[in-house]
Amino acid sequence: MHTVAVIAVDGVIPFDLSTPIEVFSRTRLPGGRAAYRVRVCAASPEVDAGAFALRAPWPLAALAEADTIIVPGTADPTAPVPEEVLDALREAAGRGTRIASICVGAFVLAATGLLDGLRATTHWSAAELLAALHPAVEVDPGVLYVDNGDLLTSAGAAAGLDLCLHMIRRDLGSAVAADAARLSVMPLERDGGQAQFIVHDQPPAPRGSVLEPLMRWMEDNARRELTLDELARRSGMSVRTLNRRFREQTGTSPLQWLHRARIRQAQYLLETTAHPVERIAAQVGFGSPTAFRDRFKRLTGTSPHAYRRTFRTQQAP
């Protein structure tokens, strides 16, 4: 079983600490078995978490058995980090252990030197400080998370959820990640410069809203050439009212939402079939493979071929 170790140091932010514990410990494989074993590790038996103290059941030595290590943020990201914690992280990186930080936990990773020469992110309000303290790190404050392979960083606390789901997606595929997202009550679509690789079975539709029937119909008919006028007629609204309602309830326009729904369907086909990209483009409703490739890269940050290489978790029929 994949072991996730979460490091707790004095001043740890409780939200950052609890996010990976909740997300990973609740993730289930298709048969219902737990997908991850989660351990909270610390340099001392008791850790000051601000409003309360916590007792970590595992010492730092347990990091040697971890497949993934999560570094939460601390209330004062400039506070000195115990050298034994930094050494343990460096040793883990040397073994090839995957290490990820949440929010200002990036300051701890940067202090180890492991992020030197790499792109990283952190909470937007701390990005300038991280760049000033660690000029060898390429700080990008405009993304939800950055994946460098075995070293990952995320932005503010909520982006820690995105990062955890991304790692689950990498480990176990889109179906397991989608279940974990639903358990976390995560929105099924989050904008951000970093490619969003979590694939969900259904595009976001506000349950019980007046738009829900239209969105379900759009999903079922995504491969057709749908126009804004047709969508307005289908909804019984004017084009202007439809655009306003979509903005209010989804944060985007009807046609942008439709493009995202098509891309999600394409992601699923890229993962689960051996269909050529040209065929998938037609299956999900794009008029040409070129338009499909352009839209796919714009929304995911990568090409269809690269996505398939990265996320195809089993041999397609």
C-alpha atoms as a PDB file:
ATOM      1  CA  MET A   1       0.000   0.000   0.000  1.00  0.00           C
ATOM      2  CA  HIS A   2       1.201   3.508  -0.828  1.00  0.00           C
ATOM      3  CA  THR A   3       2.289   5.314   2.344  1.00  0.00           C
ATOM      4  CA  VAL A   4       1.780   9.077   2.674  1.00  0.00           C
ATOM      5  CA  ALA A   5       3.706  10.787   5.471  1.00  0.00           C
ATOM      6  CA  VAL A   6       2.622  14.277   6.560  1.00  0.00           C
ATOM      7  CA  ILE A   7       5.257  16.275   8.445  1.00  0.00           C
ATOM      8  CA  ALA A   8       4.124  18.353  11.420  1.00  0.00           C
ATOM      9  CA  VAL A   9       6.436  21.045  12.787  1.00  0.00           C
ATOM     10  CA  ASP A  10       5.782  23.733  15.379  1.00  0.00           C
ATOM     11  CA  GLY A  11       3.519  26.413  13.964  1.00  0.00           C
ATOM     12  CA  VAL A  12       1.952  24.051  11.424  1.00  0.00           C
ATOM     13  CA  ILE A  13      -1.240  25.397   9.842  1.00  0.00           C
ATOM     14  CA  PRO A  14      -4.021  22.970  10.859  1.00  0.00           C
ATOM     15  CA  PHE A  15      -5.875  23.284   7.544  1.00  0.00           C
ATOM     16  CA  ASP A  16      -2.739  22.431   5.575  1.00  0.00           C
ATOM     17  CA  LEU A  17      -2.059  19.490   7.868  1.00  0.00           C
ATOM     18  CA  SER A  18      -5.569  18.084   7.706  1.00  0.00           C
ATOM     19  CA  THR A  19      -6.049  18.378   3.934  1.00  0.00           C
ATOM     20  CA  PRO A  20      -3.768  15.499   2.872  1.00  0.00           C
ATOM     21  CA  ILE A  21      -4.845  13.428   5.873  1.00  0.00           C
ATOM     22  CA  GLU A  22      -8.502  13.663   4.898  1.00  0.00           C
ATOM     23  CA  VAL A  23      -8.089  13.357   1.132  1.00  0.00           C
ATOM     24  CA  PHE A  24      -5.673  10.436   1.076  1.00  0.00           C
ATOM     25  CA  SER A  25      -7.171   8.498   3.999  1.00  0.00           C
ATOM     26  CA  ARG A  26     -10.638   8.575   2.417  1.00  0.00           C
ATOM     27  CA  THR A  27      -9.509   7.531  -1.064  1.00  0.00           C
ATOM     28  CA  ARG A  28     -10.763   4.079  -2.025  1.00  0.00           C
ATOM     29  CA  LEU A  29      -9.848   1.672  -4.804  1.00  0.00           C
ATOM     30  CA  PRO A  30     -12.657   0.317  -7.034  1.00  0.00           C
ATOM     31  CA  GLY A  31     -13.096  -2.697  -4.761  1.00  0.00           C
ATOM     32  CA  GLY A  32     -13.506  -0.502  -1.700  1.00  0.00           C
ATOM     33  CA  ARG A  33     -10.062  -1.035  -0.174  1.00  0.00           C
ATOM     34  CA  ALA A  34      -8.105   1.932   1.174  1.00  0.00           C
ATOM     35  CA  ALA A  35      -5.698   3.269  -1.439  1.00  0.00           C
ATOM     36  CA  TYR A  36      -3.260   4.971   0.940  1.00  0.00           C
ATOM     37  CA  ARG A  37      -1.811   4.583   4.394  1.00  0.00           C
ATOM     38  CA  VAL A  38      -1.409   8.016   6.072  1.00  0.00           C
ATOM     39  CA  ARG A  39       1.063   8.768   8.861  1.00  0.00           C
ATOM     40  CA  VAL A  40       1.687  12.041  10.687  1.00  0.00           C
ATOM     41  CA  CYS A  41       5.379  12.394  11.531  1.00  0.00           C
ATOM     42  CA  ALA A  42       7.224  14.936  13.652  1.00  0.00           C
ATOM     43  CA  ALA A  43      10.626  15.616  15.152  1.00  0.00           C
ATOM     44  CA  SER A  44       9.118  15.718  18.655  1.00  0.00           C
ATOM     45  CA  PRO A  45       6.170  13.891  20.236  1.00  0.00           C
ATOM     46  CA  GLU A  46       4.156  17.105  20.712  1.00  0.00           C
ATOM     47  CA  VAL A  47       3.702  19.824  18.107  1.00  0.00           C
ATOM     48  CA  ASP A  48       2.409  23.362  18.643  1.00  0.00           C
ATOM     49  CA  ALA A  49      -0.376  23.967  16.112  1.00  0.00           C
ATOM     50  CA  GLY A  50      -1.358  27.397  17.380  1.00  0.00           C
ATOM     51  CA  ALA A  51      -4.888  26.974  18.744  1.00  0.00           C
ATOM     52  CA  PHE A  52      -4.027  23.514  20.031  1.00  0.00           C
ATOM     53  CA  ALA A  53      -1.195  21.029  20.453  1.00  0.00           C
ATOM     54  CA  LEU A  54      -1.071  17.690  18.708  1.00  0.00           C
ATOM     55  CA  ARG A  55       0.736  14.450  19.312  1.00  0.00           C
ATOM     56  CA  ALA A  56       2.334  12.906  16.265  1.00  0.00           C
ATOM     57  CA  PRO A  57       2.330   9.111  16.467  1.00  0.00           C
ATOM     58  CA  TRP A  58       5.291   8.662  14.116  1.00  0.00           C
ATOM     59  CA  PRO A  59       8.878   9.981  14.393  1.00  0.00           C
ATOM     60  CA  LEU A  60      10.829  11.445  11.482  1.00  0.00           C
ATOM     61  CA  ALA A  61      12.475   8.072  11.008  1.00  0.00           C
ATOM     62  CA  ALA A  62       9.156   6.839   9.580  1.00  0.00           C
ATOM     63  CA  LEU A  63       9.772   9.022   6.526  1.00  0.00           C
ATOM     64  CA  ALA A  64      12.138   6.303   5.323  1.00  0.00           C
ATOM     65  CA  GLU A  65       9.109   4.077   4.657  1.00  0.00           C
ATOM     66  CA  ALA A  66       7.036   6.745   2.905  1.00  0.00           C
ATOM     67  CA  ASP A  67       6.256   6.769  -0.806  1.00  0.00           C
ATOM     68  CA  THR A  68       5.004  10.349  -0.627  1.00  0.00           C
ATOM     69  CA  ILE A  69       5.845  13.078   1.879  1.00  0.00           C
ATOM     70  CA  ILE A  70       3.606  16.128   2.355  1.00  0.00           C
ATOM     71  CA  VAL A  71       4.990  19.349   3.857  1.00  0.00           C
ATOM     72  CA  PRO A  72       2.212  21.624   5.193  1.00  0.00           C
ATOM     73  CA  GLY A  73       2.677  25.346   5.656  1.00  0.00           C
ATOM     74  CA  THR A  74       3.502  27.071   8.934  1.00  0.00           C
ATOM     75  CA  ALA A  75       2.145  30.250  10.517  1.00  0.00           C
ATOM     76  CA  ASP A  76       5.532  31.951  10.087  1.00  0.00           C
ATOM     77  CA  PRO A  77       7.133  30.701   6.886  1.00  0.00           C
ATOM     78  CA  THR A  78      10.377  32.518   7.712  1.00  0.00           C
ATOM     79  CA  ALA A  79      10.834  30.709  11.038  1.00  0.00           C
ATOM     80  CA  PRO A  80      13.891  28.422  11.145  1.00  0.00           C
ATOM     81  CA  VAL A  81      13.125  24.811  10.287  1.00  0.00           C
ATOM     82  CA  PRO A  82      14.740  22.149  12.473  1.00  0.00           C
ATOM     83  CA  GLU A  83      17.838  20.884  10.675  1.00  0.00           C
ATOM     84  CA  GLU A  84      16.787  17.303  11.291  1.00  0.00           C
ATOM     85  CA  VAL A  85      13.610  17.963   9.278  1.00  0.00           C
ATOM     86  CA  LEU A  86      15.594  19.442   6.384  1.00  0.00           C
ATOM     87  CA  ASP A  87      18.043  16.538   6.464  1.00  0.00           C
ATOM     88  CA  ALA A  88      15.202  14.014   6.482  1.00  0.00           C
ATOM     89  CA  LEU A  89      13.668  15.664   3.412  1.00  0.00           C
ATOM     90  CA  ARG A  90      16.991  15.728   1.567  1.00  0.00           C
ATOM     91  CA  GLU A  91      17.549  12.049   2.342  1.00  0.00           C
ATOM     92  CA  ALA A  92      14.050  11.179   1.175  1.00  0.00           C
ATOM     93  CA  ALA A  93      14.588  13.061  -2.089  1.00  0.00           C
ATOM     94  CA  GLY A  94      17.809  11.152  -2.569  1.00  0.00           C
ATOM     95  CA  ARG A  95      15.849   7.904  -2.324  1.00  0.00           C
ATOM     96  CA  GLY A  96      13.414   9.118  -4.988  1.00  0.00           C
ATOM     97  CA  THR A  97      10.525   9.713  -2.599  1.00  0.00           C
ATOM     98  CA  ARG A  98       7.851  12.053  -3.940  1.00  0.00           C
ATOM     99  CA  ILE A  99       7.673  15.242  -1.867  1.00  0.00           C
ATOM    100  CA  ALA A 100       4.926  17.866  -2.069  1.00  0.00           C
ATOM    101  CA  SER A 101       4.297  21.103  -0.216  1.00  0.00           C
ATOM    102  CA  ILE A 102       1.030  22.834   0.571  1.00  0.00           C
ATOM    103  CA  CYS A 103       0.790  26.629   0.626  1.00  0.00           C
ATOM    104  CA  VAL A 104       3.834  28.167   2.382  1.00  0.00           C
ATOM    105  CA  GLY A 105       5.231  24.697   2.994  1.00  0.00           C
ATOM    106  CA  ALA A 106       7.199  25.590  -0.135  1.00  0.00           C
ATOM    107  CA  PHE A 107       9.473  27.650   2.141  1.00  0.00           C
ATOM    108  CA  VAL A 108      10.493  24.449   3.925  1.00  0.00           C
ATOM    109  CA  LEU A 109      11.213  22.685   0.636  1.00  0.00           C
ATOM    110  CA  ALA A 110      13.143  25.705  -0.612  1.00  0.00           C
ATOM    111  CA  ALA A 111      15.236  25.704   2.570  1.00  0.00           C
ATOM    112  CA  THR A 112      16.461  22.205   1.716  1.00  0.00           C
ATOM    113  CA  GLY A 113      17.802  23.426  -1.629  1.00  0.00           C
ATOM    114  CA  LEU A 114      15.708  20.820  -3.451  1.00  0.00           C
ATOM    115  CA  LEU A 115      13.771  23.472  -5.384  1.00  0.00           C
ATOM    116  CA  ASP A 116      16.859  25.277  -6.696  1.00  0.00           C
ATOM    117  CA  GLY A 117      16.587  25.665 -10.444  1.00  0.00           C
ATOM    118  CA  LEU A 118      12.980  24.474 -10.468  1.00  0.00           C
ATOM    119  CA  ARG A 119       9.645  26.175 -10.928  1.00  0.00           C
ATOM    120  CA  ALA A 120       7.513  26.331  -7.796  1.00  0.00           C
ATOM    121  CA  THR A 121       4.491  28.084  -6.369  1.00  0.00           C
ATOM    122  CA  THR A 122       3.131  29.116  -2.990  1.00  0.00           C
ATOM    123  CA  HIS A 123       0.388  31.343  -1.594  1.00  0.00           C
ATOM    124  CA  TRP A 124       0.192  34.464  -3.760  1.00  0.00           C
ATOM    125  CA  SER A 125       0.754  36.762  -0.770  1.00  0.00           C
ATOM    126  CA  ALA A 126       4.045  34.997   0.052  1.00  0.00           C
ATOM    127  CA  ALA A 127       5.357  34.575  -3.491  1.00  0.00           C
ATOM    128  CA  GLU A 128       7.547  37.692  -3.494  1.00  0.00           C
ATOM    129  CA  LEU A 129       9.043  36.724  -0.150  1.00  0.00           C
ATOM    130  CA  LEU A 130       9.812  33.197  -1.328  1.00  0.00           C
ATOM    131  CA  ALA A 131      11.504  34.563  -4.438  1.00  0.00           C
ATOM    132  CA  ALA A 132      13.515  37.047  -2.375  1.00  0.00           C
ATOM    133  CA  LEU A 133      14.678  34.472   0.174  1.00  0.00           C
ATOM    134  CA  HIS A 134      15.395  31.781  -2.408  1.00  0.00           C
ATOM    135  CA  PRO A 135      16.417  33.450  -5.685  1.00  0.00           C
ATOM    136  CA  ALA A 136      17.462  30.101  -7.189  1.00  0.00           C
ATOM    137  CA  VAL A 137      13.808  29.041  -7.215  1.00  0.00           C
ATOM    138  CA  GLU A 138      11.605  30.133 -10.131  1.00  0.00           C
ATOM    139  CA  VAL A 139       8.474  31.251  -8.270  1.00  0.00           C
ATOM    140  CA  ASP A 140       5.223  31.308 -10.246  1.00  0.00           C
ATOM    141  CA  PRO A 141       2.394  32.886  -8.187  1.00  0.00           C
ATOM    142  CA  GLY A 142      -0.243  32.477 -10.903  1.00  0.00           C
ATOM    143  CA  VAL A 143      -0.864  28.729 -10.758  1.00  0.00           C
ATOM    144  CA  LEU A 144      -2.652  26.312  -8.465  1.00  0.00           C
ATOM    145  CA  TYR A 145       0.235  23.861  -8.325  1.00  0.00           C
ATOM    146  CA  VAL A 146       3.463  22.898 -10.050  1.00  0.00           C
ATOM    147  CA  ASP A 147       4.437  19.305 -10.751  1.00  0.00           C
ATOM    148  CA  ASN A 148       8.161  18.704 -11.275  1.00  0.00           C
ATOM    149  CA  GLY A 149       7.831  14.947 -11.075  1.00  0.00           C
ATOM    150  CA  ASP A 150       9.004  13.974  -7.601  1.00  0.00           C
ATOM    151  CA  LEU A 151       8.842  17.551  -6.275  1.00  0.00           C
ATOM    152  CA  LEU A 152       5.490  19.331  -6.228  1.00  0.00           C
ATOM    153  CA  THR A 153       4.281  22.605  -4.754  1.00  0.00           C
ATOM    154  CA  SER A 154       0.812  24.110  -4.394  1.00  0.00           C
ATOM    155  CA  ALA A 155      -0.566  27.586  -3.874  1.00  0.00           C
ATOM    156  CA  GLY A 156      -2.912  28.588  -1.030  1.00  0.00           C
ATOM    157  CA  ALA A 157      -4.601  26.151   1.313  1.00  0.00           C
ATOM    158  CA  ALA A 158      -7.467  25.236  -1.030  1.00  0.00           C
ATOM    159  CA  ALA A 159      -4.968  24.491  -3.807  1.00  0.00           C
ATOM    160  CA  GLY A 160      -3.639  21.752  -1.546  1.00  0.00           C
ATOM    161  CA  LEU A 161      -6.820  19.864  -2.390  1.00  0.00           C
ATOM    162  CA  ASP A 162      -6.128  20.296  -6.084  1.00  0.00           C
ATOM    163  CA  LEU A 163      -2.603  19.009  -5.593  1.00  0.00           C
ATOM    164  CA  CYS A 164      -3.684  15.958  -3.585  1.00  0.00           C
ATOM    165  CA  LEU A 165      -6.272  15.066  -6.209  1.00  0.00           C
ATOM    166  CA  HIS A 166      -3.668  15.535  -8.933  1.00  0.00           C
ATOM    167  CA  MET A 167      -1.358  13.066  -7.196  1.00  0.00           C
ATOM    168  CA  ILE A 168      -4.198  10.570  -6.785  1.00  0.00           C
ATOM    169  CA  ARG A 169      -4.922  11.028 -10.468  1.00  0.00           C
ATOM    170  CA  ARG A 170      -1.294  10.272 -11.294  1.00  0.00           C
ATOM    171  CA  ASP A 171      -1.220   7.243  -9.021  1.00  0.00           C
ATOM    172  CA  LEU A 172      -4.564   5.594  -9.624  1.00  0.00           C
ATOM    173  CA  GLY A 173      -6.299   7.144 -12.619  1.00  0.00           C
ATOM    174  CA  SER A 174      -9.217   9.445 -13.254  1.00  0.00           C
ATOM    175  CA  ALA A 175     -12.026   7.280 -11.852  1.00  0.00           C
ATOM    176  CA  VAL A 176     -10.479   7.021  -8.383  1.00  0.00           C
ATOM    177  CA  ALA A 177      -9.557  10.717  -8.449  1.00  0.00           C
ATOM    178  CA  ALA A 178     -13.115  11.661  -9.418  1.00  0.00           C
ATOM    179  CA  ASP A 179     -14.481   9.706  -6.449  1.00  0.00           C
ATOM    180  CA  ALA A 180     -11.986  11.423  -4.148  1.00  0.00           C
ATOM    181  CA  ALA A 181     -13.030  14.808  -5.557  1.00  0.00           C
ATOM    182  CA  ARG A 182     -16.683  14.096  -4.862  1.00  0.00           C
ATOM    183  CA  LEU A 183     -15.908  13.040  -1.295  1.00  0.00           C
ATOM    184  CA  SER A 184     -13.972  16.295  -0.857  1.00  0.00           C
ATOM    185  CA  VAL A 185     -16.931  18.251  -2.296  1.00  0.00           C
ATOM    186  CA  MET A 186     -14.521  19.872  -4.721  1.00  0.00           C
ATOM    187  CA  PRO A 187     -15.780  21.891  -7.668  1.00  0.00           C
ATOM    188  CA  LEU A 188     -15.409  19.872 -10.816  1.00  0.00           C
ATOM    189  CA  GLU A 189     -13.728  22.727 -12.649  1.00  0.00           C
ATOM    190  CA  ARG A 190     -11.150  25.141 -11.278  1.00  0.00           C
ATOM    191  CA  ASP A 191      -9.473  27.763 -13.374  1.00  0.00           C
ATOM    192  CA  GLY A 192      -5.726  28.175 -13.094  1.00  0.00           C
ATOM    193  CA  GLY A 193      -2.644  28.512 -15.236  1.00  0.00           C
ATOM    194  CA  GLN A 194      -1.380  25.101 -14.181  1.00  0.00           C
ATOM    195  CA  ALA A 195      -2.842  22.262 -16.266  1.00  0.00           C
ATOM    196  CA  GLN A 196      -5.790  20.681 -14.505  1.00  0.00           C
ATOM    197  CA  PHE A 197      -5.587  16.940 -15.057  1.00  0.00           C
ATOM    198  CA  ILE A 198      -8.384  15.782 -12.787  1.00  0.00           C
ATOM    199  CA  VAL A 199     -10.980  14.165 -14.998  1.00  0.00           C
ATOM    200  CA  HIS A 200     -14.543  13.944 -13.737  1.00  0.00           C
ATOM    201  CA  ASP A 201     -17.412  11.861 -15.020  1.00  0.00           C
ATOM    202  CA  GLN A 202     -19.739  14.852 -15.318  1.00  0.00           C
ATOM    203  CA  PRO A 203     -19.060  18.521 -16.061  1.00  0.00           C
ATOM    204  CA  PRO A 204     -20.098  20.926 -13.296  1.00  0.00           C
ATOM    205  CA  ALA A 205     -23.831  21.525 -13.095  1.00  0.00           C
ATOM    206  CA  PRO A 206     -25.357  23.283 -10.097  1.00  0.00           C
ATOM    207  CA  ARG A 207     -27.749  20.708  -8.668  1.00  0.00           C
ATOM    208  CA  GLY A 208     -31.351  21.874  -8.753  1.00  0.00           C
ATOM    209  CA  SER A 209     -30.587  25.026 -10.723  1.00  0.00           C
ATOM    210  CA  VAL A 210     -32.622  26.124 -13.724  1.00  0.00           C
ATOM    211  CA  LEU A 211     -29.575  25.403 -15.880  1.00  0.00           C
ATOM    212  CA  GLU A 212     -29.110  21.792 -14.819  1.00  0.00           C
ATOM    213  CA  PRO A 213     -31.408  20.224 -17.491  1.00  0.00           C
ATOM    214  CA  LEU A 214     -29.736  22.274 -20.207  1.00  0.00           C
ATOM    215  CA  MET A 215     -26.255  21.302 -19.032  1.00  0.00           C
ATOM    216  CA  ARG A 216     -27.157  17.619 -19.012  1.00  0.00           C
ATOM    217  CA  TRP A 217     -28.532  17.971 -22.531  1.00  0.00           C
ATOM    218  CA  MET A 218     -25.346  19.776 -23.611  1.00  0.00           C
ATOM    219  CA  GLU A 219     -23.279  16.886 -22.238  1.00  0.00           C
ATOM    220  CA  ASP A 220     -25.314  14.337 -24.164  1.00  0.00           C
ATOM    221  CA  ASN A 221     -25.125  16.358 -27.372  1.00  0.00           C
ATOM    222  CA  ALA A 222     -21.587  17.714 -27.066  1.00  0.00           C
ATOM    223  CA  ARG A 223     -20.466  16.096 -30.311  1.00  0.00           C
ATOM    224  CA  ARG A 224     -23.040  18.130 -32.254  1.00  0.00           C
ATOM    225  CA  GLU A 225     -22.369  21.622 -33.573  1.00  0.00           C
ATOM    226  CA  LEU A 226     -24.293  23.586 -30.943  1.00  0.00           C
ATOM    227  CA  THR A 227     -24.863  27.312 -31.294  1.00  0.00           C
ATOM    228  CA  LEU A 228     -25.690  29.891 -28.657  1.00  0.00           C
ATOM    229  CA  ASP A 229     -29.037  30.557 -30.331  1.00  0.00           C
ATOM    230  CA  GLU A 230     -29.949  26.864 -30.152  1.00  0.00           C
ATOM    231  CA  LEU A 231     -28.958  26.685 -26.479  1.00  0.00           C
ATOM    232  CA  ALA A 232     -31.046  29.768 -25.723  1.00  0.00           C
ATOM    233  CA  ARG A 233     -34.093  28.276 -27.461  1.00  0.00           C
ATOM    234  CA  ARG A 234     -33.568  24.995 -25.622  1.00  0.00           C
ATOM    235  CA  SER A 235     -33.479  26.793 -22.274  1.00  0.00           C
ATOM    236  CA  GLY A 236     -36.443  29.040 -23.018  1.00  0.00           C
ATOM    237  CA  MET A 237     -34.334  32.120 -22.378  1.00  0.00           C
ATOM    238  CA  SER A 238     -32.967  34.922 -24.463  1.00  0.00           C
ATOM    239  CA  VAL A 239     -29.293  34.725 -25.408  1.00  0.00           C
ATOM    240  CA  ARG A 240     -28.561  37.624 -23.072  1.00  0.00           C
ATOM    241  CA  THR A 241     -30.349  35.991 -20.120  1.00  0.00           C
ATOM    242  CA  LEU A 242     -28.695  32.631 -20.779  1.00  0.00           C
ATOM    243  CA  ASN A 243     -25.241  34.213 -20.797  1.00  0.00           C
ATOM    244  CA  ARG A 244     -25.990  36.053 -17.556  1.00  0.00           C
ATOM    245  CA  ARG A 245     -27.318  32.944 -15.799  1.00  0.00           C
ATOM    246  CA  PHE A 246     -24.300  30.907 -16.875  1.00  0.00           C
ATOM    247  CA  ARG A 247     -21.922  33.574 -15.592  1.00  0.00           C
ATOM    248  CA  GLU A 248     -23.753  33.722 -12.277  1.00  0.00           C
ATOM    249  CA  GLN A 249     -23.890  29.965 -11.723  1.00  0.00           C
ATOM    250  CA  THR A 250     -20.731  28.624 -13.371  1.00  0.00           C
ATOM    251  CA  GLY A 251     -18.405  31.600 -13.746  1.00  0.00           C
ATOM    252  CA  THR A 252     -18.102  31.061 -17.482  1.00  0.00           C
ATOM    253  CA  SER A 253     -20.092  31.323 -20.715  1.00  0.00           C
ATOM    254  CA  PRO A 254     -22.237  28.538 -22.244  1.00  0.00           C
ATOM    255  CA  LEU A 255     -19.843  27.929 -25.140  1.00  0.00           C
ATOM    256  CA  GLN A 256     -16.760  27.950 -22.901  1.00  0.00           C
ATOM    257  CA  TRP A 257     -18.500  25.456 -20.617  1.00  0.00           C
ATOM    258  CA  LEU A 258     -19.305  23.313 -23.655  1.00  0.00           C
ATOM    259  CA  HIS A 259     -15.662  23.363 -24.782  1.00  0.00           C
ATOM    260  CA  ARG A 260     -14.544  22.232 -21.319  1.00  0.00           C
ATOM    261  CA  ALA A 261     -17.111  19.419 -21.352  1.00  0.00           C
ATOM    262  CA  ARG A 262     -15.781  18.258 -24.726  1.00  0.00           C
ATOM    263  CA  ILE A 263     -12.192  18.353 -23.485  1.00  0.00           C
ATOM    264  CA  ARG A 264     -13.108  16.264 -20.432  1.00  0.00           C
ATOM    265  CA  GLN A 265     -14.710  13.686 -22.707  1.00  0.00           C
ATOM    266  CA  ALA A 266     -11.572  13.720 -24.838  1.00  0.00           C
ATOM    267  CA  GLN A 267      -9.374  13.175 -21.776  1.00  0.00           C
ATOM    268  CA  TYR A 268     -11.376  10.085 -20.903  1.00  0.00           C
ATOM    269  CA  LEU A 269     -11.052   8.720 -24.444  1.00  0.00           C
ATOM    270  CA  LEU A 270      -7.311   9.438 -24.515  1.00  0.00           C
ATOM    271  CA  GLU A 271      -6.903   7.449 -21.308  1.00  0.00           C
ATOM    272  CA  THR A 272      -9.131   4.504 -22.086  1.00  0.00           C
ATOM    273  CA  THR A 273      -8.956   3.943 -25.848  1.00  0.00           C
ATOM    274  CA  ALA A 274      -6.367   3.658 -28.583  1.00  0.00           C
ATOM    275  CA  HIS A 275      -8.398   5.862 -30.925  1.00  0.00           C
ATOM    276  CA  PRO A 276      -6.326   8.283 -33.017  1.00  0.00           C
ATOM    277  CA  VAL A 277      -6.475  11.923 -31.972  1.00  0.00           C
ATOM    278  CA  GLU A 278      -8.308  12.777 -35.196  1.00  0.00           C
ATOM    279  CA  ARG A 279     -11.086  10.327 -34.368  1.00  0.00           C
ATOM    280  CA  ILE A 280     -11.380  11.585 -30.792  1.00  0.00           C
ATOM    281  CA  ALA A 281     -11.623  15.170 -32.053  1.00  0.00           C
ATOM    282  CA  ALA A 282     -14.643  14.203 -34.133  1.00  0.00           C
ATOM    283  CA  GLN A 283     -16.164  12.080 -31.363  1.00  0.00           C
ATOM    284  CA  VAL A 284     -16.255  14.975 -28.908  1.00  0.00           C
ATOM    285  CA  GLY A 285     -17.549  17.571 -31.345  1.00  0.00           C
ATOM    286  CA  PHE A 286     -14.602  19.491 -32.763  1.00  0.00           C
ATOM    287  CA  GLY A 287     -14.784  20.400 -36.433  1.00  0.00           C
ATOM    288  CA  SER A 288     -11.111  19.756 -37.062  1.00  0.00           C
ATOM    289  CA  PRO A 289      -8.179  18.038 -35.331  1.00  0.00           C
ATOM    290  CA  THR A 290      -6.281  21.347 -35.369  1.00  0.00           C
ATOM    291  CA  ALA A 291      -9.042  23.155 -33.503  1.00  0.00           C
ATOM    292  CA  PHE A 292      -9.198  20.271 -31.039  1.00  0.00           C
ATOM    293  CA  ARG A 293      -5.445  20.303 -30.387  1.00  0.00           C
ATOM    294  CA  ASP A 294      -5.422  24.076 -29.892  1.00  0.00           C
ATOM    295  CA  ARG A 295      -8.339  24.012 -27.465  1.00  0.00           C
ATOM    296  CA  PHE A 296      -6.980  20.969 -25.612  1.00  0.00           C
ATOM    297  CA  LYS A 297      -3.610  22.625 -25.026  1.00  0.00           C
ATOM    298  CA  ARG A 298      -5.230  25.902 -24.008  1.00  0.00           C
ATOM    299  CA  LEU A 299      -7.323  24.214 -21.318  1.00  0.00           C
ATOM    300  CA  THR A 300      -4.939  21.537 -20.046  1.00  0.00           C
ATOM    301  CA  GLY A 301      -1.531  23.010 -20.745  1.00  0.00           C
ATOM    302  CA  THR A 302      -0.361  20.011 -22.762  1.00  0.00           C
ATOM    303  CA  SER A 303      -1.011  18.256 -26.079  1.00  0.00           C
ATOM    304  CA  PRO A 304      -3.368  15.288 -26.535  1.00  0.00           C
ATOM    305  CA  HIS A 305      -0.426  12.982 -27.302  1.00  0.00           C
ATOM    306  CA  ALA A 306       1.524  14.116 -24.239  1.00  0.00           C
ATOM    307  CA  TYR A 307      -1.572  13.743 -22.077  1.00  0.00           C
ATOM    308  CA  ARG A 308      -2.082  10.189 -23.307  1.00  0.00           C
ATOM    309  CA  ARG A 309       1.558   9.276 -22.593  1.00  0.00           C
ATOM    310  CA  THR A 310       1.292  10.649 -19.065  1.00  0.00           C
ATOM    311  CA  PHE A 311      -2.099   9.442 -17.967  1.00  0.00           C
ATOM    312  CA  ARG A 312      -2.929   6.264 -19.849  1.00  0.00           C
ATOM    313  CA  THR A 313      -2.896   3.855 -16.922  1.00  0.00           C
ATOM    314  CA  GLN A 314      -3.799   0.634 -18.679  1.00  0.00           C
ATOM    315  CA  GLN A 315      -3.645  -0.980 -22.086  1.00  0.00           C
ATOM    316  CA  ALA A 316      -6.585   0.272 -24.127  1.00  0.00           C
ATOM    317  CA  PRO A 317      -8.549  -2.270 -26.124  1.00  0.00           C
END
